[in-house]
Amino acid sequence: MPASVKIGKEEIVKKAVVLVNKKGWDSLNARDLAKALNMSTKPLYRIYKNMDEIKEDIYKEIYREYDEFITSRVDNKKALVTLCVAYVEFAKLYKNLFVSLFLSNNLKWNTVDDVLNEKWNQGAIINLVNKSGYTFLEAKDLFMHVWLYANGLATLIATNKIDIDDKEIIVRIVKIFKTLEK
């Protein structure tokens, strides 16, 4: 009788994130995940009730990795610009993870306010108020215009074969910011 496979949620989720980054969210399935972990699907379903439960943990991990990525790159002196640059860089470096987070049914944004209320975005808006003298409404408006530009750029990069170097990303984000600031 073969030895039982000892594996935990953390190993499953970490391997799944690697698979999502390689092949995309929609290609993730229990058979491929089990194969990548060198086991059958049975241990997966001993730990998780179903694939939806696995995907919930995977999404949380991708979100955590994104949060870590953004946090490591945002400079409070220029929070809006550095946040938007980091957002586009994430799309460039981790195309499938970006698509999984922001261009799928996983995202729970239904309104513009949902975007504005994200913790990273709130921080950039408050930073504009505190460091640049904008009113909260002016800061939200400026944030939304610059972020929408960055989101378009990130989406083009993540979903197409558009390749923009890091310097050009910075130049484009700074240029749109300077054009829109008061």
N, C-alpha and C. Protein backbone atom coordinates (compact mmCIF):
# COMPACT_ATOMS: atom_id res chain seq x y z
N MET A 1 0.85 -1.17 0.00
CA MET A 1 0.00 0.00 0.00
C MET A 1 0.90 1.24 0.00
N PRO A 2 0.64 2.22 -0.91
CA PRO A 2 1.49 3.41 -0.98
C PRO A 2 1.31 4.29 0.26
N ALA A 3 2.37 4.99 0.60
CA ALA A 3 2.31 5.91 1.75
C ALA A 3 1.31 7.02 1.45
N SER A 4 0.61 7.45 2.48
CA SER A 4 -0.35 8.52 2.27
C SER A 4 0.38 9.85 2.09
N VAL A 5 -0.19 10.70 1.27
CA VAL A 5 0.42 11.98 0.97
C VAL A 5 0.04 12.97 2.07
N LYS A 6 1.05 13.57 2.67
CA LYS A 6 0.83 14.59 3.70
C LYS A 6 1.02 15.95 3.04
N ILE A 7 -0.05 16.63 2.91
CA ILE A 7 -0.01 17.95 2.27
C ILE A 7 -1.05 18.83 2.95
N GLY A 8 -0.76 20.10 3.02
CA GLY A 8 -1.68 21.02 3.66
C GLY A 8 -2.20 22.07 2.69
N LYS A 9 -3.11 22.86 3.19
CA LYS A 9 -3.71 23.91 2.36
C LYS A 9 -2.66 24.86 1.79
N GLU A 10 -1.68 25.22 2.60
CA GLU A 10 -0.67 26.18 2.15
C GLU A 10 0.07 25.68 0.91
N GLU A 11 0.49 24.42 0.92
CA GLU A 11 1.21 23.87 -0.24
C GLU A 11 0.30 23.81 -1.47
N ILE A 12 -0.94 23.45 -1.25
CA ILE A 12 -1.90 23.38 -2.36
C ILE A 12 -2.09 24.76 -2.97
N VAL A 13 -2.31 25.73 -2.13
CA VAL A 13 -2.58 27.09 -2.62
C VAL A 13 -1.35 27.67 -3.32
N LYS A 14 -0.19 27.49 -2.74
CA LYS A 14 1.04 28.03 -3.36
C LYS A 14 1.25 27.42 -4.75
N LYS A 15 1.07 26.12 -4.88
CA LYS A 15 1.24 25.46 -6.18
C LYS A 15 0.17 25.94 -7.16
N ALA A 16 -1.04 26.13 -6.66
CA ALA A 16 -2.14 26.59 -7.51
C ALA A 16 -1.87 28.00 -8.04
N VAL A 17 -1.30 28.86 -7.22
CA VAL A 17 -0.98 30.22 -7.67
C VAL A 17 0.06 30.16 -8.79
N VAL A 18 1.03 29.27 -8.66
CA VAL A 18 2.01 29.09 -9.73
C VAL A 18 1.32 28.66 -11.02
N LEU A 19 0.39 27.71 -10.90
CA LEU A 19 -0.35 27.25 -12.08
C LEU A 19 -1.19 28.37 -12.69
N VAL A 20 -1.87 29.13 -11.86
CA VAL A 20 -2.68 30.25 -12.36
C VAL A 20 -1.80 31.26 -13.07
N ASN A 21 -0.64 31.53 -12.51
CA ASN A 21 0.26 32.49 -13.14
C ASN A 21 0.75 31.98 -14.51
N LYS A 22 0.92 30.67 -14.64
CA LYS A 22 1.37 30.09 -15.92
C LYS A 22 0.25 30.00 -16.95
N LYS A 23 -0.91 29.47 -16.51
CA LYS A 23 -1.96 29.10 -17.47
C LYS A 23 -3.23 29.93 -17.38
N GLY A 24 -3.41 30.67 -16.31
CA GLY A 24 -4.62 31.47 -16.15
C GLY A 24 -5.65 30.82 -15.24
N TRP A 25 -6.50 31.65 -14.70
CA TRP A 25 -7.52 31.23 -13.74
C TRP A 25 -8.47 30.20 -14.33
N ASP A 26 -8.94 30.43 -15.53
CA ASP A 26 -9.94 29.56 -16.14
C ASP A 26 -9.43 28.16 -16.46
N SER A 27 -8.12 27.99 -16.53
CA SER A 27 -7.57 26.67 -16.84
C SER A 27 -7.31 25.83 -15.58
N LEU A 28 -7.53 26.42 -14.42
CA LEU A 28 -7.25 25.70 -13.18
C LEU A 28 -8.31 24.64 -12.92
N ASN A 29 -7.85 23.41 -12.68
CA ASN A 29 -8.77 22.32 -12.34
C ASN A 29 -8.07 21.36 -11.38
N ALA A 30 -8.86 20.53 -10.72
CA ALA A 30 -8.34 19.64 -9.68
C ALA A 30 -7.33 18.64 -10.24
N ARG A 31 -7.58 18.11 -11.41
CA ARG A 31 -6.68 17.11 -11.97
C ARG A 31 -5.29 17.69 -12.22
N ASP A 32 -5.22 18.88 -12.86
CA ASP A 32 -3.92 19.49 -13.13
C ASP A 32 -3.22 19.92 -11.84
N LEU A 33 -3.99 20.40 -10.88
CA LEU A 33 -3.41 20.79 -9.61
C LEU A 33 -2.82 19.58 -8.88
N ALA A 34 -3.58 18.50 -8.85
CA ALA A 34 -3.10 17.27 -8.21
C ALA A 34 -1.84 16.76 -8.92
N LYS A 35 -1.84 16.80 -10.24
CA LYS A 35 -0.67 16.36 -11.00
C LYS A 35 0.56 17.22 -10.66
N ALA A 36 0.37 18.53 -10.56
CA ALA A 36 1.48 19.43 -10.21
C ALA A 36 2.00 19.15 -8.80
N LEU A 37 1.14 18.63 -7.95
CA LEU A 37 1.52 18.29 -6.57
C LEU A 37 1.98 16.84 -6.44
N ASN A 38 2.03 16.12 -7.58
CA ASN A 38 2.45 14.71 -7.61
C ASN A 38 1.59 13.83 -6.73
N MET A 39 0.28 13.95 -6.89
CA MET A 39 -0.65 13.14 -6.11
C MET A 39 -1.96 13.00 -6.88
N SER A 40 -2.85 12.23 -6.35
CA SER A 40 -4.18 12.11 -6.94
C SER A 40 -5.05 13.26 -6.44
N THR A 41 -6.26 13.34 -6.94
CA THR A 41 -7.17 14.40 -6.49
C THR A 41 -7.76 14.11 -5.11
N LYS A 42 -7.69 12.86 -4.66
CA LYS A 42 -8.31 12.50 -3.37
C LYS A 42 -7.81 13.35 -2.20
N PRO A 43 -6.50 13.55 -2.05
CA PRO A 43 -6.06 14.40 -0.93
C PRO A 43 -6.61 15.84 -1.01
N LEU A 44 -6.77 16.33 -2.23
CA LEU A 44 -7.36 17.68 -2.38
C LEU A 44 -8.75 17.73 -1.75
N TYR A 45 -9.52 16.69 -2.04
CA TYR A 45 -10.91 16.68 -1.57
C TYR A 45 -11.06 16.17 -0.14
N ARG A 46 -9.98 15.72 0.44
CA ARG A 46 -10.00 15.45 1.89
C ARG A 46 -9.83 16.77 2.65
N ILE A 47 -9.08 17.67 2.04
CA ILE A 47 -8.79 18.95 2.67
C ILE A 47 -9.86 20.00 2.34
N TYR A 48 -10.33 19.97 1.11
CA TYR A 48 -11.34 20.92 0.64
C TYR A 48 -12.61 20.18 0.23
N LYS A 49 -13.75 20.83 0.41
CA LYS A 49 -15.04 20.24 0.01
C LYS A 49 -15.17 20.12 -1.50
N ASN A 50 -14.71 21.17 -2.21
CA ASN A 50 -14.87 21.20 -3.66
C ASN A 50 -13.87 22.19 -4.27
N MET A 51 -13.86 22.27 -5.59
CA MET A 51 -12.92 23.14 -6.29
C MET A 51 -13.21 24.61 -6.00
N ASP A 52 -14.46 24.96 -5.81
CA ASP A 52 -14.79 26.36 -5.49
C ASP A 52 -14.14 26.80 -4.18
N GLU A 53 -14.10 25.91 -3.22
CA GLU A 53 -13.46 26.24 -1.94
C GLU A 53 -11.95 26.40 -2.12
N ILE A 54 -11.36 25.58 -2.96
CA ILE A 54 -9.93 25.71 -3.27
C ILE A 54 -9.68 27.06 -3.94
N LYS A 55 -10.52 27.38 -4.91
CA LYS A 55 -10.34 28.64 -5.65
C LYS A 55 -10.51 29.85 -4.75
N GLU A 56 -11.36 29.75 -3.76
CA GLU A 56 -11.52 30.86 -2.81
C GLU A 56 -10.21 31.14 -2.08
N ASP A 57 -9.54 30.08 -1.63
CA ASP A 57 -8.25 30.25 -0.96
C ASP A 57 -7.17 30.73 -1.94
N ILE A 58 -7.22 30.27 -3.16
CA ILE A 58 -6.25 30.71 -4.17
C ILE A 58 -6.42 32.20 -4.43
N TYR A 59 -7.66 32.63 -4.59
CA TYR A 59 -7.92 34.05 -4.83
C TYR A 59 -7.40 34.89 -3.66
N LYS A 60 -7.64 34.45 -2.44
CA LYS A 60 -7.15 35.18 -1.27
C LYS A 60 -5.63 35.28 -1.29
N GLU A 61 -4.96 34.23 -1.71
CA GLU A 61 -3.50 34.24 -1.77
C GLU A 61 -3.01 35.18 -2.87
N ILE A 62 -3.65 35.16 -4.02
CA ILE A 62 -3.26 36.08 -5.10
C ILE A 62 -3.45 37.52 -4.63
N TYR A 63 -4.55 37.77 -3.96
CA TYR A 63 -4.84 39.11 -3.42
C TYR A 63 -3.76 39.50 -2.41
N ARG A 64 -3.36 38.57 -1.55
CA ARG A 64 -2.32 38.84 -0.57
C ARG A 64 -0.99 39.16 -1.26
N GLU A 65 -0.65 38.40 -2.29
CA GLU A 65 0.58 38.65 -3.02
C GLU A 65 0.54 40.01 -3.72
N TYR A 66 -0.61 40.35 -4.28
CA TYR A 66 -0.78 41.66 -4.91
C TYR A 66 -0.59 42.76 -3.86
N ASP A 67 -1.22 42.60 -2.72
CA ASP A 67 -1.12 43.58 -1.64
C ASP A 67 0.34 43.77 -1.24
N GLU A 68 1.06 42.68 -1.10
CA GLU A 68 2.48 42.74 -0.75
C GLU A 68 3.29 43.46 -1.83
N PHE A 69 3.00 43.16 -3.07
CA PHE A 69 3.67 43.79 -4.22
C PHE A 69 3.44 45.30 -4.19
N ILE A 70 2.18 45.71 -4.05
CA ILE A 70 1.83 47.13 -4.05
C ILE A 70 2.46 47.83 -2.85
N THR A 71 2.32 47.25 -1.69
CA THR A 71 2.84 47.85 -0.47
C THR A 71 4.35 48.09 -0.57
N SER A 72 5.05 47.18 -1.21
CA SER A 72 6.50 47.32 -1.32
C SER A 72 6.92 48.41 -2.31
N ARG A 73 6.00 48.89 -3.12
CA ARG A 73 6.35 49.85 -4.17
C ARG A 73 5.77 51.25 -3.97
N VAL A 74 4.77 51.40 -3.13
CA VAL A 74 4.14 52.71 -2.98
C VAL A 74 5.00 53.60 -2.10
N ASP A 75 5.27 54.78 -2.61
CA ASP A 75 6.04 55.81 -1.90
C ASP A 75 5.04 56.87 -1.43
N ASN A 76 4.96 57.09 -0.13
CA ASN A 76 3.97 58.02 0.40
C ASN A 76 4.16 59.46 -0.06
N LYS A 77 5.33 59.80 -0.56
CA LYS A 77 5.53 61.15 -1.09
C LYS A 77 4.79 61.34 -2.41
N LYS A 78 4.62 60.24 -3.14
CA LYS A 78 3.94 60.27 -4.44
C LYS A 78 3.02 59.06 -4.54
N ALA A 79 2.12 58.92 -3.60
CA ALA A 79 1.33 57.69 -3.47
C ALA A 79 0.51 57.37 -4.72
N LEU A 80 -0.16 58.35 -5.29
CA LEU A 80 -1.01 58.07 -6.45
C LEU A 80 -0.18 57.58 -7.63
N VAL A 81 0.88 58.28 -7.95
CA VAL A 81 1.72 57.90 -9.08
C VAL A 81 2.36 56.54 -8.85
N THR A 82 2.93 56.33 -7.68
CA THR A 82 3.62 55.06 -7.43
C THR A 82 2.63 53.89 -7.34
N LEU A 83 1.44 54.14 -6.82
CA LEU A 83 0.41 53.10 -6.80
C LEU A 83 0.03 52.69 -8.22
N CYS A 84 -0.21 53.69 -9.06
CA CYS A 84 -0.60 53.39 -10.45
C CYS A 84 0.51 52.72 -11.23
N VAL A 85 1.75 53.15 -11.02
CA VAL A 85 2.89 52.50 -11.67
C VAL A 85 3.00 51.05 -11.21
N ALA A 86 2.88 50.82 -9.91
CA ALA A 86 2.95 49.46 -9.37
C ALA A 86 1.83 48.59 -9.92
N TYR A 87 0.65 49.14 -10.04
CA TYR A 87 -0.50 48.42 -10.59
C TYR A 87 -0.20 47.95 -12.02
N VAL A 88 0.35 48.82 -12.83
CA VAL A 88 0.70 48.47 -14.22
C VAL A 88 1.86 47.47 -14.23
N GLU A 89 2.83 47.67 -13.37
CA GLU A 89 3.95 46.72 -13.30
C GLU A 89 3.49 45.33 -12.90
N PHE A 90 2.54 45.26 -11.96
CA PHE A 90 1.99 43.96 -11.58
C PHE A 90 1.36 43.27 -12.79
N ALA A 91 0.61 44.03 -13.57
CA ALA A 91 -0.02 43.48 -14.78
C ALA A 91 1.03 42.98 -15.77
N LYS A 92 2.14 43.69 -15.84
CA LYS A 92 3.22 43.30 -16.75
C LYS A 92 3.94 42.04 -16.28
N LEU A 93 4.25 41.99 -14.99
CA LEU A 93 5.02 40.87 -14.44
C LEU A 93 4.18 39.61 -14.20
N TYR A 94 2.92 39.80 -13.86
CA TYR A 94 2.06 38.68 -13.46
C TYR A 94 0.73 38.77 -14.21
N LYS A 95 0.81 38.65 -15.52
CA LYS A 95 -0.37 38.86 -16.37
C LYS A 95 -1.58 38.04 -15.93
N ASN A 96 -1.38 36.77 -15.75
CA ASN A 96 -2.52 35.91 -15.40
C ASN A 96 -3.04 36.16 -14.00
N LEU A 97 -2.17 36.54 -13.09
CA LEU A 97 -2.64 36.88 -11.73
C LEU A 97 -3.43 38.19 -11.79
N PHE A 98 -2.97 39.14 -12.58
CA PHE A 98 -3.69 40.40 -12.75
C PHE A 98 -5.08 40.14 -13.33
N VAL A 99 -5.13 39.33 -14.38
CA VAL A 99 -6.43 38.99 -14.98
C VAL A 99 -7.32 38.30 -13.95
N SER A 100 -6.75 37.40 -13.17
CA SER A 100 -7.52 36.69 -12.14
C SER A 100 -8.11 37.63 -11.10
N LEU A 101 -7.36 38.65 -10.74
CA LEU A 101 -7.82 39.60 -9.73
C LEU A 101 -8.78 40.64 -10.28
N PHE A 102 -8.43 41.23 -11.42
CA PHE A 102 -9.12 42.44 -11.87
C PHE A 102 -9.97 42.30 -13.12
N LEU A 103 -9.83 41.21 -13.83
CA LEU A 103 -10.58 41.07 -15.08
C LEU A 103 -11.37 39.77 -15.11
N SER A 104 -11.88 39.39 -13.97
CA SER A 104 -12.63 38.14 -13.87
C SER A 104 -13.85 38.36 -12.98
N ASN A 105 -14.63 37.35 -12.87
CA ASN A 105 -15.80 37.41 -11.99
C ASN A 105 -15.42 37.34 -10.52
N ASN A 106 -14.13 37.18 -10.23
CA ASN A 106 -13.67 37.16 -8.84
C ASN A 106 -13.79 38.54 -8.20
N LEU A 107 -13.64 39.57 -9.01
CA LEU A 107 -13.66 40.93 -8.51
C LEU A 107 -15.07 41.31 -8.09
N LYS A 108 -15.16 41.91 -6.94
CA LYS A 108 -16.48 42.27 -6.40
C LYS A 108 -16.80 43.75 -6.54
N TRP A 109 -16.12 44.43 -7.45
CA TRP A 109 -16.42 45.84 -7.68
C TRP A 109 -17.64 45.95 -8.58
N ASN A 110 -18.63 46.69 -8.13
CA ASN A 110 -19.82 46.92 -8.94
C ASN A 110 -20.03 48.39 -9.27
N THR A 111 -19.35 49.26 -8.54
CA THR A 111 -19.48 50.70 -8.74
C THR A 111 -18.12 51.36 -8.67
N VAL A 112 -18.07 52.61 -9.10
CA VAL A 112 -16.85 53.39 -8.98
C VAL A 112 -16.46 53.54 -7.52
N ASP A 113 -17.44 53.69 -6.65
CA ASP A 113 -17.13 53.80 -5.21
C ASP A 113 -16.44 52.56 -4.67
N ASP A 114 -16.76 51.40 -5.21
CA ASP A 114 -16.08 50.16 -4.79
C ASP A 114 -14.58 50.26 -5.08
N VAL A 115 -14.24 50.82 -6.25
CA VAL A 115 -12.83 51.02 -6.61
C VAL A 115 -12.19 52.01 -5.64
N LEU A 116 -12.86 53.12 -5.43
CA LEU A 116 -12.33 54.17 -4.57
C LEU A 116 -12.15 53.71 -3.12
N ASN A 117 -12.97 52.78 -2.68
CA ASN A 117 -12.94 52.33 -1.30
C ASN A 117 -11.91 51.24 -1.01
N GLU A 118 -11.22 50.73 -2.02
CA GLU A 118 -10.15 49.76 -1.77
C GLU A 118 -9.09 50.40 -0.89
N LYS A 119 -8.49 49.63 -0.01
CA LYS A 119 -7.55 50.20 0.96
C LYS A 119 -6.37 50.90 0.29
N TRP A 120 -5.82 50.34 -0.78
CA TRP A 120 -4.68 50.98 -1.44
C TRP A 120 -5.12 52.32 -2.02
N ASN A 121 -6.30 52.32 -2.61
CA ASN A 121 -6.79 53.52 -3.28
C ASN A 121 -7.14 54.60 -2.26
N GLN A 122 -7.75 54.21 -1.16
CA GLN A 122 -8.07 55.18 -0.10
C GLN A 122 -6.79 55.84 0.41
N GLY A 123 -5.75 55.06 0.57
CA GLY A 123 -4.48 55.61 1.04
C GLY A 123 -3.94 56.66 0.08
N ALA A 124 -4.03 56.40 -1.21
CA ALA A 124 -3.53 57.36 -2.21
C ALA A 124 -4.39 58.62 -2.21
N ILE A 125 -5.69 58.47 -2.04
CA ILE A 125 -6.60 59.63 -2.02
C ILE A 125 -6.30 60.49 -0.79
N ILE A 126 -6.19 59.87 0.36
CA ILE A 126 -5.90 60.61 1.60
C ILE A 126 -4.53 61.28 1.51
N ASN A 127 -3.58 60.61 0.86
CA ASN A 127 -2.26 61.18 0.65
C ASN A 127 -2.36 62.47 -0.17
N LEU A 128 -3.19 62.48 -1.21
CA LEU A 128 -3.38 63.70 -2.02
C LEU A 128 -3.96 64.83 -1.17
N VAL A 129 -4.88 64.50 -0.30
CA VAL A 129 -5.48 65.51 0.58
C VAL A 129 -4.41 66.08 1.52
N ASN A 130 -3.66 65.19 2.15
CA ASN A 130 -2.68 65.62 3.16
C ASN A 130 -1.44 66.28 2.59
N LYS A 131 -0.97 65.83 1.45
CA LYS A 131 0.31 66.32 0.92
C LYS A 131 0.16 67.38 -0.17
N SER A 132 -1.00 67.43 -0.82
CA SER A 132 -1.13 68.33 -1.97
C SER A 132 -2.22 69.37 -1.81
N GLY A 133 -2.96 69.33 -0.71
CA GLY A 133 -3.96 70.36 -0.46
C GLY A 133 -5.26 70.21 -1.23
N TYR A 134 -5.49 69.04 -1.78
CA TYR A 134 -6.76 68.80 -2.47
C TYR A 134 -7.87 68.59 -1.44
N THR A 135 -9.10 68.95 -1.81
CA THR A 135 -10.23 68.53 -0.99
C THR A 135 -10.40 67.03 -1.22
N PHE A 136 -11.15 66.38 -0.36
CA PHE A 136 -11.36 64.95 -0.53
C PHE A 136 -12.02 64.64 -1.87
N LEU A 137 -13.00 65.44 -2.27
CA LEU A 137 -13.68 65.22 -3.56
C LEU A 137 -12.74 65.46 -4.73
N GLU A 138 -11.90 66.49 -4.66
CA GLU A 138 -10.91 66.74 -5.72
C GLU A 138 -9.92 65.58 -5.81
N ALA A 139 -9.49 65.10 -4.65
CA ALA A 139 -8.53 63.99 -4.62
C ALA A 139 -9.14 62.72 -5.21
N LYS A 140 -10.39 62.44 -4.86
CA LYS A 140 -11.08 61.27 -5.43
C LYS A 140 -11.18 61.39 -6.95
N ASP A 141 -11.52 62.57 -7.42
CA ASP A 141 -11.67 62.79 -8.86
C ASP A 141 -10.33 62.62 -9.58
N LEU A 142 -9.27 63.22 -9.04
CA LEU A 142 -7.95 63.07 -9.65
C LEU A 142 -7.51 61.61 -9.61
N PHE A 143 -7.70 60.97 -8.46
CA PHE A 143 -7.36 59.57 -8.35
C PHE A 143 -8.06 58.75 -9.44
N MET A 144 -9.36 58.94 -9.57
CA MET A 144 -10.12 58.12 -10.52
C MET A 144 -9.63 58.32 -11.95
N HIS A 145 -9.33 59.56 -12.33
CA HIS A 145 -8.87 59.80 -13.70
C HIS A 145 -7.50 59.15 -13.96
N VAL A 146 -6.58 59.31 -13.03
CA VAL A 146 -5.25 58.71 -13.21
C VAL A 146 -5.34 57.19 -13.14
N TRP A 147 -6.12 56.69 -12.18
CA TRP A 147 -6.25 55.24 -12.05
C TRP A 147 -6.92 54.61 -13.27
N LEU A 148 -7.93 55.28 -13.82
CA LEU A 148 -8.58 54.74 -15.02
C LEU A 148 -7.58 54.63 -16.17
N TYR A 149 -6.71 55.62 -16.32
CA TYR A 149 -5.67 55.55 -17.33
C TYR A 149 -4.74 54.37 -17.06
N ALA A 150 -4.30 54.25 -15.80
CA ALA A 150 -3.41 53.14 -15.43
C ALA A 150 -4.10 51.80 -15.63
N ASN A 151 -5.37 51.72 -15.30
CA ASN A 151 -6.12 50.48 -15.48
C ASN A 151 -6.20 50.10 -16.96
N GLY A 152 -6.42 51.07 -17.80
CA GLY A 152 -6.45 50.80 -19.25
C GLY A 152 -5.11 50.29 -19.74
N LEU A 153 -4.04 50.93 -19.30
CA LEU A 153 -2.70 50.51 -19.69
C LEU A 153 -2.40 49.10 -19.17
N ALA A 154 -2.73 48.86 -17.90
CA ALA A 154 -2.50 47.54 -17.31
C ALA A 154 -3.31 46.46 -18.02
N THR A 155 -4.54 46.76 -18.35
CA THR A 155 -5.39 45.80 -19.05
C THR A 155 -4.83 45.47 -20.44
N LEU A 156 -4.39 46.49 -21.15
CA LEU A 156 -3.78 46.26 -22.47
C LEU A 156 -2.54 45.38 -22.36
N ILE A 157 -1.73 45.63 -21.37
CA ILE A 157 -0.50 44.85 -21.17
C ILE A 157 -0.83 43.41 -20.78
N ALA A 158 -1.76 43.24 -19.86
CA ALA A 158 -2.08 41.89 -19.36
C ALA A 158 -2.83 41.03 -20.36
N THR A 159 -3.62 41.63 -21.22
CA THR A 159 -4.47 40.84 -22.12
C THR A 159 -3.96 40.79 -23.55
N ASN A 160 -2.92 41.52 -23.86
CA ASN A 160 -2.35 41.52 -25.20
C ASN A 160 -0.86 41.29 -25.11
N LYS A 161 -0.23 41.35 -26.21
CA LYS A 161 1.21 41.16 -26.24
C LYS A 161 1.93 42.51 -26.29
N ILE A 162 1.29 43.53 -25.74
CA ILE A 162 1.90 44.85 -25.68
C ILE A 162 3.01 44.81 -24.65
N ASP A 163 4.19 45.27 -25.05
CA ASP A 163 5.32 45.27 -24.14
C ASP A 163 5.81 46.70 -23.99
N ILE A 164 5.68 47.22 -22.80
CA ILE A 164 6.12 48.58 -22.49
C ILE A 164 7.17 48.46 -21.39
N ASP A 165 8.30 49.11 -21.59
CA ASP A 165 9.33 48.99 -20.55
C ASP A 165 8.95 49.82 -19.34
N ASP A 166 9.62 49.53 -18.23
CA ASP A 166 9.29 50.16 -16.95
C ASP A 166 9.41 51.68 -17.00
N LYS A 167 10.40 52.17 -17.70
CA LYS A 167 10.60 53.62 -17.80
C LYS A 167 9.40 54.27 -18.50
N GLU A 168 8.93 53.65 -19.57
CA GLU A 168 7.79 54.21 -20.29
C GLU A 168 6.52 54.18 -19.44
N ILE A 169 6.35 53.15 -18.63
CA ILE A 169 5.20 53.09 -17.73
C ILE A 169 5.23 54.29 -16.80
N ILE A 170 6.38 54.55 -16.20
CA ILE A 170 6.52 55.69 -15.28
C ILE A 170 6.24 57.00 -16.00
N VAL A 171 6.85 57.18 -17.17
CA VAL A 171 6.68 58.42 -17.93
C VAL A 171 5.21 58.64 -18.26
N ARG A 172 4.52 57.61 -18.69
CA ARG A 172 3.10 57.76 -19.06
C ARG A 172 2.24 58.12 -17.85
N ILE A 173 2.46 57.45 -16.73
CA ILE A 173 1.65 57.72 -15.53
C ILE A 173 1.94 59.13 -15.01
N VAL A 174 3.21 59.51 -14.95
CA VAL A 174 3.56 60.86 -14.48
C VAL A 174 2.96 61.91 -15.41
N LYS A 175 3.03 61.67 -16.70
CA LYS A 175 2.50 62.64 -17.67
C LYS A 175 0.99 62.83 -17.50
N ILE A 176 0.24 61.77 -17.32
CA ILE A 176 -1.21 61.91 -17.15
C ILE A 176 -1.50 62.60 -15.81
N PHE A 177 -0.72 62.28 -14.78
CA PHE A 177 -0.90 62.92 -13.48
C PHE A 177 -0.66 64.43 -13.61
N LYS A 178 0.44 64.82 -14.22
CA LYS A 178 0.77 66.24 -14.37
C LYS A 178 -0.25 66.97 -15.23
N THR A 179 -0.79 66.29 -16.22
CA THR A 179 -1.82 66.91 -17.06
C THR A 179 -3.10 67.18 -16.29
N LEU A 180 -3.43 66.30 -15.35
CA LEU A 180 -4.69 66.41 -14.63
C LEU A 180 -4.61 67.16 -13.30
N GLU A 181 -3.41 67.26 -12.71
CA GLU A 181 -3.33 67.92 -11.40
C GLU A 181 -3.60 69.41 -11.54
N LYS A 182 -4.02 70.02 -10.41
CA LYS A 182 -4.33 71.46 -10.48
C LYS A 182 -3.12 72.32 -10.40
